[in-house]
C-alpha cells in the first residue's frame, strides 16, 4: 500500500444545515449518554433537562446572531437604495432646471423673432406704401399746376 493509505485523515465538510446537524448530534449524544450512563432516572432526567436548556440557549444565541447580521445587511441595502434614490432625484431636478432654462431661452428668442418679424412687416408695408404716396404727391402737384 502507498504511504497515503496508511496516514489517517479527517474530512470536514461545510455547507448548509449546520443547525440541523448540531441538533442531530446533540440528540444522538443524549441517547448514547442515556444508554451508557450509570445514573439514576432522576439524575438522568435532570441532566437531560439541563442539556435541553443549554441547547435552547445556544439556539437562541444563534438566532439572535443571525437576526443581527440580517438587520445589518438590510440597513446597508436600505442606505444603498436611499443613496440611489437621492441621486435620481438630483438628476431629475437638474433635468427640470435645464428644461426650464432652455424653455425660457427659447421663449426669449421667439419673442425677439416675433418683434423682428413685426418690424419687417411694418417696414415692408411702409416701403410699399411710400412709393404710392410719392406718386400721388407728384401727380397731385402736377394737377394743381395744371389747374392754376
C-alpha atoms as a PDB file:
ATOM      1  CA  UNK A   1       0.000   0.000   0.000  1.00  0.00           C
ATOM      2  CA  UNK A   2       1.068   3.530  -0.544  1.00  0.00           C
ATOM      3  CA  UNK A   3       2.011   5.983   2.163  1.00  0.00           C
ATOM      4  CA  UNK A   4      -1.188   7.847   1.556  1.00  0.00           C
ATOM      5  CA  UNK A   5      -3.358   4.881   2.595  1.00  0.00           C
ATOM      6  CA  UNK A   6      -1.552   4.464   5.884  1.00  0.00           C
ATOM      7  CA  UNK A   7      -1.993   8.054   7.121  1.00  0.00           C
ATOM      8  CA  UNK A   8      -5.362   8.709   8.752  1.00  0.00           C
ATOM      9  CA  UNK A   9      -7.128  11.864   7.698  1.00  0.00           C
ATOM     10  CA  UNK A  10     -10.307  13.722   8.594  1.00  0.00           C
ATOM     11  CA  UNK A  11     -12.697  15.253   6.095  1.00  0.00           C
ATOM     12  CA  UNK A  12     -14.621  18.298   7.239  1.00  0.00           C
ATOM     13  CA  UNK A  13     -17.477  19.361   5.027  1.00  0.00           C
ATOM     14  CA  UNK A  14     -19.029  22.777   5.287  1.00  0.00           C
ATOM     15  CA  UNK A  15     -22.394  23.703   3.985  1.00  0.00           C
ATOM     16  CA  UNK A  16     -25.983  24.363   4.889  1.00  0.00           C
ATOM     17  CA  UNK A  17     -27.824  22.552   7.637  1.00  0.00           C
ATOM     18  CA  UNK A  18     -25.399  23.322  10.450  1.00  0.00           C
ATOM     19  CA  UNK A  19     -28.194  23.800  12.945  1.00  0.00           C
ATOM     20  CA  UNK A  20     -29.812  20.513  11.858  1.00  0.00           C
ATOM     21  CA  UNK A  21     -26.516  18.666  12.186  1.00  0.00           C
ATOM     22  CA  UNK A  22     -25.955  20.244  15.577  1.00  0.00           C
ATOM     23  CA  UNK A  23     -29.383  19.172  16.845  1.00  0.00           C
ATOM     24  CA  UNK A  24     -28.966  15.669  15.403  1.00  0.00           C
ATOM     25  CA  UNK A  25     -25.571  15.309  17.086  1.00  0.00           C
ATOM     26  CA  UNK A  26     -26.980  16.589  20.366  1.00  0.00           C
ATOM     27  CA  UNK A  27     -29.840  14.066  20.256  1.00  0.00           C
ATOM     28  CA  UNK A  28     -27.528  11.190  19.390  1.00  0.00           C
ATOM     29  CA  UNK A  29     -25.177  12.186  22.193  1.00  0.00           C
ATOM     30  CA  UNK A  30     -28.068  12.388  24.629  1.00  0.00           C
ATOM     31  CA  UNK A  31     -29.297   8.948  23.548  1.00  0.00           C
ATOM     32  CA  UNK A  32     -25.880   7.365  23.914  1.00  0.00           C
ATOM     33  CA  UNK A  33     -25.433   9.061  27.286  1.00  0.00           C
ATOM     34  CA  UNK A  34     -28.709   7.512  28.458  1.00  0.00           C
ATOM     35  CA  UNK A  35     -27.595   4.066  27.419  1.00  0.00           C
ATOM     36  CA  UNK A  36     -24.128   4.255  28.878  1.00  0.00           C
ATOM     37  CA  UNK A  37     -24.584   6.461  31.936  1.00  0.00           C
ATOM     38  CA  UNK A  38     -24.641   4.719  35.298  1.00  0.00           C
ATOM     39  CA  UNK A  39     -27.045   7.271  36.794  1.00  0.00           C
ATOM     40  CA  UNK A  40     -30.439   7.050  38.348  1.00  0.00           C
ATOM     41  CA  UNK A  41     -33.555   8.015  36.392  1.00  0.00           C
ATOM     42  CA  UNK A  42     -33.898  11.281  38.305  1.00  0.00           C
ATOM     43  CA  UNK A  43     -30.273  12.255  37.665  1.00  0.00           C
ATOM     44  CA  UNK A  44     -30.595  11.341  34.001  1.00  0.00           C
ATOM     45  CA  UNK A  45     -33.779  13.422  33.713  1.00  0.00           C
ATOM     46  CA  UNK A  46     -32.074  16.368  35.365  1.00  0.00           C
ATOM     47  CA  UNK A  47     -29.103  16.011  33.031  1.00  0.00           C
ATOM     48  CA  UNK A  48     -31.416  15.844  30.031  1.00  0.00           C
ATOM     49  CA  UNK A  49     -33.269  18.942  31.195  1.00  0.00           C
ATOM     50  CA  UNK A  50     -30.007  20.819  31.646  1.00  0.00           C
ATOM     51  CA  UNK A  51     -28.744  19.675  28.278  1.00  0.00           C
ATOM     52  CA  UNK A  52     -32.046  20.708  26.673  1.00  0.00           C
ATOM     53  CA  UNK A  53     -31.810  24.122  28.366  1.00  0.00           C
ATOM     54  CA  UNK A  54     -28.263  24.588  27.058  1.00  0.00           C
ATOM     55  CA  UNK A  55     -29.380  23.585  23.572  1.00  0.00           C
ATOM     56  CA  UNK A  56     -32.237  26.096  23.710  1.00  0.00           C
ATOM     57  CA  UNK A  57     -29.911  28.868  24.916  1.00  0.00           C
ATOM     58  CA  UNK A  58     -27.406  28.032  22.198  1.00  0.00           C
ATOM     59  CA  UNK A  59     -30.129  28.008  19.538  1.00  0.00           C
ATOM     60  CA  UNK A  60     -31.489  31.353  20.780  1.00  0.00           C
ATOM     61  CA  UNK A  61     -27.998  32.876  20.623  1.00  0.00           C
ATOM     62  CA  UNK A  62     -27.524  31.620  17.070  1.00  0.00           C
ATOM     63  CA  UNK A  63     -30.898  33.017  16.077  1.00  0.00           C
ATOM     64  CA  UNK A  64     -30.083  36.399  17.655  1.00  0.00           C
ATOM     65  CA  UNK A  65     -26.716  36.480  15.864  1.00  0.00           C
ATOM     66  CA  UNK A  66     -28.310  35.590  12.540  1.00  0.00           C
ATOM     67  CA  UNK A  67     -31.019  38.193  13.075  1.00  0.00           C
ATOM     68  CA  UNK A  68     -28.420  40.847  13.922  1.00  0.00           C
ATOM     69  CA  UNK A  69     -26.391  40.051  10.778  1.00  0.00           C
ATOM     70  CA  UNK A  70     -29.556  40.149   8.700  1.00  0.00           C
ATOM     71  CA  UNK A  71     -30.569  43.523  10.147  1.00  0.00           C
ATOM     72  CA  UNK A  72     -27.088  44.907   9.428  1.00  0.00           C
ATOM     73  CA  UNK A  73     -27.260  43.731   5.833  1.00  0.00           C
ATOM     74  CA  UNK A  74     -30.746  45.165   5.441  1.00  0.00           C
ATOM     75  CA  UNK A  75     -29.537  48.511   6.780  1.00  0.00           C
ATOM     76  CA  UNK A  76     -26.661  48.555   4.301  1.00  0.00           C
ATOM     77  CA  UNK A  77     -29.098  47.716   1.495  1.00  0.00           C
ATOM     78  CA  UNK A  78     -31.521  50.455   2.636  1.00  0.00           C
ATOM     79  CA  UNK A  79     -28.701  53.007   2.685  1.00  0.00           C
ATOM     80  CA  UNK A  80     -27.646  51.970  -0.815  1.00  0.00           C
ATOM     81  CA  UNK A  81     -31.190  52.234  -2.121  1.00  0.00           C
ATOM     82  CA  UNK A  82     -31.699  55.608  -0.432  1.00  0.00           C
ATOM     83  CA  UNK A  83     -28.443  56.854  -1.938  1.00  0.00           C
ATOM     84  CA  UNK A  84     -29.597  55.814  -5.405  1.00  0.00           C
ATOM     85  CA  UNK A  85     -32.989  57.440  -4.852  1.00  0.00           C
ATOM     86  CA  UNK A  86     -31.271  60.680  -3.837  1.00  0.00           C
ATOM     87  CA  UNK A  87     -29.048  60.519  -6.939  1.00  0.00           C
ATOM     88  CA  UNK A  88     -32.080  60.026  -9.172  1.00  0.00           C
ATOM     89  CA  UNK A  89     -33.926  62.906  -7.501  1.00  0.00           C
ATOM     90  CA  UNK A  90     -30.926  65.171  -8.043  1.00  0.00           C
ATOM     91  CA  UNK A  91     -30.726  64.140 -11.689  1.00  0.00           C
ATOM     92  CA  UNK A  92     -34.456  64.780 -12.182  1.00  0.00           C
ATOM     93  CA  UNK A  93     -34.172  68.194 -10.530  1.00  0.00           C
ATOM     94  CA  UNK A  94     -31.177  69.066 -12.706  1.00  0.00           C
ATOM     95  CA  UNK A  95     -33.108  67.949 -15.785  1.00  0.00           C
ATOM     96  CA  UNK A  96     -36.111  70.064 -14.812  1.00  0.00           C
ATOM     97  CA  UNK A  97     -33.884  73.063 -14.208  1.00  0.00           C
ATOM     98  CA  UNK A  98     -32.164  72.621 -17.571  1.00  0.00           C
ATOM     99  CA  UNK A  99     -35.534  72.233 -19.309  1.00  0.00           C
ATOM    100  CA  UNK A 100     -36.860  75.362 -17.605  1.00  0.00           C
ATOM    101  CA  UNK A 101     -33.760  77.312 -18.626  1.00  0.00           C
ATOM    102  CA  UNK A 102     -33.965  76.065 -22.211  1.00  0.00           C
ATOM    103  CA  UNK A 103     -37.675  76.926 -22.365  1.00  0.00           C
ATOM    104  CA  UNK A 104     -37.059  80.447 -21.033  1.00  0.00           C
ATOM    105  CA  UNK A 105     -34.240  80.935 -23.539  1.00  0.00           C
ATOM    106  CA  UNK A 106     -36.424  79.656 -26.364  1.00  0.00           C
ATOM    107  CA  UNK A 107     -39.306  81.927 -25.330  1.00  0.00           C
ATOM    108  CA  UNK A 108     -36.943  84.951 -25.337  1.00  0.00           C
ATOM    109  CA  UNK A 109     -35.632  84.054 -28.780  1.00  0.00           C
ATOM    110  CA  UNK A 110     -39.172  83.509 -30.050  1.00  0.00           C
ATOM    111  CA  UNK A 111     -40.249  86.900 -28.727  1.00  0.00           C
ATOM    112  CA  UNK A 112     -37.264  88.574 -30.404  1.00  0.00           C
ATOM    113  CA  UNK A 113     -38.127  86.797 -33.641  1.00  0.00           C
ATOM    114  CA  UNK A 114     -41.730  87.998 -33.381  1.00  0.00           C
ATOM    115  CA  UNK A 115     -40.567  91.557 -32.790  1.00  0.00           C
ATOM    116  CA  UNK A 116     -38.181  91.347 -35.747  1.00  0.00           C
ATOM    117  CA  UNK A 117     -40.921  89.823 -37.890  1.00  0.00           C
ATOM    118  CA  UNK A 118     -43.366  92.599 -36.972  1.00  0.00           C
ATOM    119  CA  UNK A 119     -40.694  95.215 -37.646  1.00  0.00           C
ATOM    120  CA  UNK A 120     -40.006  93.620 -41.028  1.00  0.00           C
ATOM    121  CA  UNK A 121     -43.707  93.509 -41.870  1.00  0.00           C
ATOM    122  CA  UNK A 122     -44.133  97.164 -40.827  1.00  0.00           C
ATOM    123  CA  UNK A 123     -41.067  98.185 -42.854  1.00  0.00           C
ATOM    124  CA  UNK A 124     -42.363  96.281 -45.870  1.00  0.00           C
ATOM    125  CA  UNK A 125     -45.773  97.956 -45.566  1.00  0.00           C
ATOM    126  CA  UNK A 126     -44.122 101.382 -45.318  1.00  0.00           C
ATOM    127  CA  UNK A 127     -41.907 100.595 -48.303  1.00  0.00           C
ATOM    128  CA  UNK A 128     -44.911  99.527 -50.345  1.00  0.00           C
ATOM    129  CA  UNK A 129     -46.947 102.495 -49.155  1.00  0.00           C
ATOM    130  CA  UNK A 130     -44.157 105.091 -49.642  1.00  0.00           C
ATOM    131  CA  UNK A 131     -43.904 104.922 -53.467  1.00  0.00           C
ATOM    132  CA  UNK A 132     -47.654 105.195 -53.742  1.00  0.00           C
ATOM    133  CA  UNK A 133     -47.631 108.299 -51.524  1.00  0.00           C
ATOM    134  CA  UNK A 134     -44.773 109.805 -53.516  1.00  0.00           C
ATOM    135  CA  UNK A 135     -46.532 109.151 -56.837  1.00  0.00           C
ATOM    136  CA  UNK A 136     -49.760 110.642 -55.581  1.00  0.00           C
ATOM    137  CA  UNK A 137     -47.902 113.688 -54.295  1.00  0.00           C
ATOM    138  CA  UNK A 138     -46.191 114.266 -57.606  1.00  0.00           C
ATOM    139  CA  UNK A 139     -49.347 113.731 -59.550  1.00  0.00           C
ATOM    140  CA  UNK A 140     -51.252 115.947 -57.186  1.00  0.00           C
ATOM    141  CA  UNK A 141     -48.652 118.703 -57.569  1.00  0.00           C
ATOM    142  CA  UNK A 142     -48.865 118.444 -61.338  1.00  0.00           C
ATOM    143  CA  UNK A 143     -52.619 118.635 -61.236  1.00  0.00           C
ATOM    144  CA  UNK A 144     -52.502 121.741 -59.104  1.00  0.00           C
ATOM    145  CA  UNK A 145     -50.141 123.381 -61.550  1.00  0.00           C
ATOM    146  CA  UNK A 146     -52.403 122.391 -64.432  1.00  0.00           C
ATOM    147  CA  UNK A 147     -55.381 123.859 -62.642  1.00  0.00           C
ATOM    148  CA  UNK A 148     -53.650 127.120 -61.981  1.00  0.00           C
END
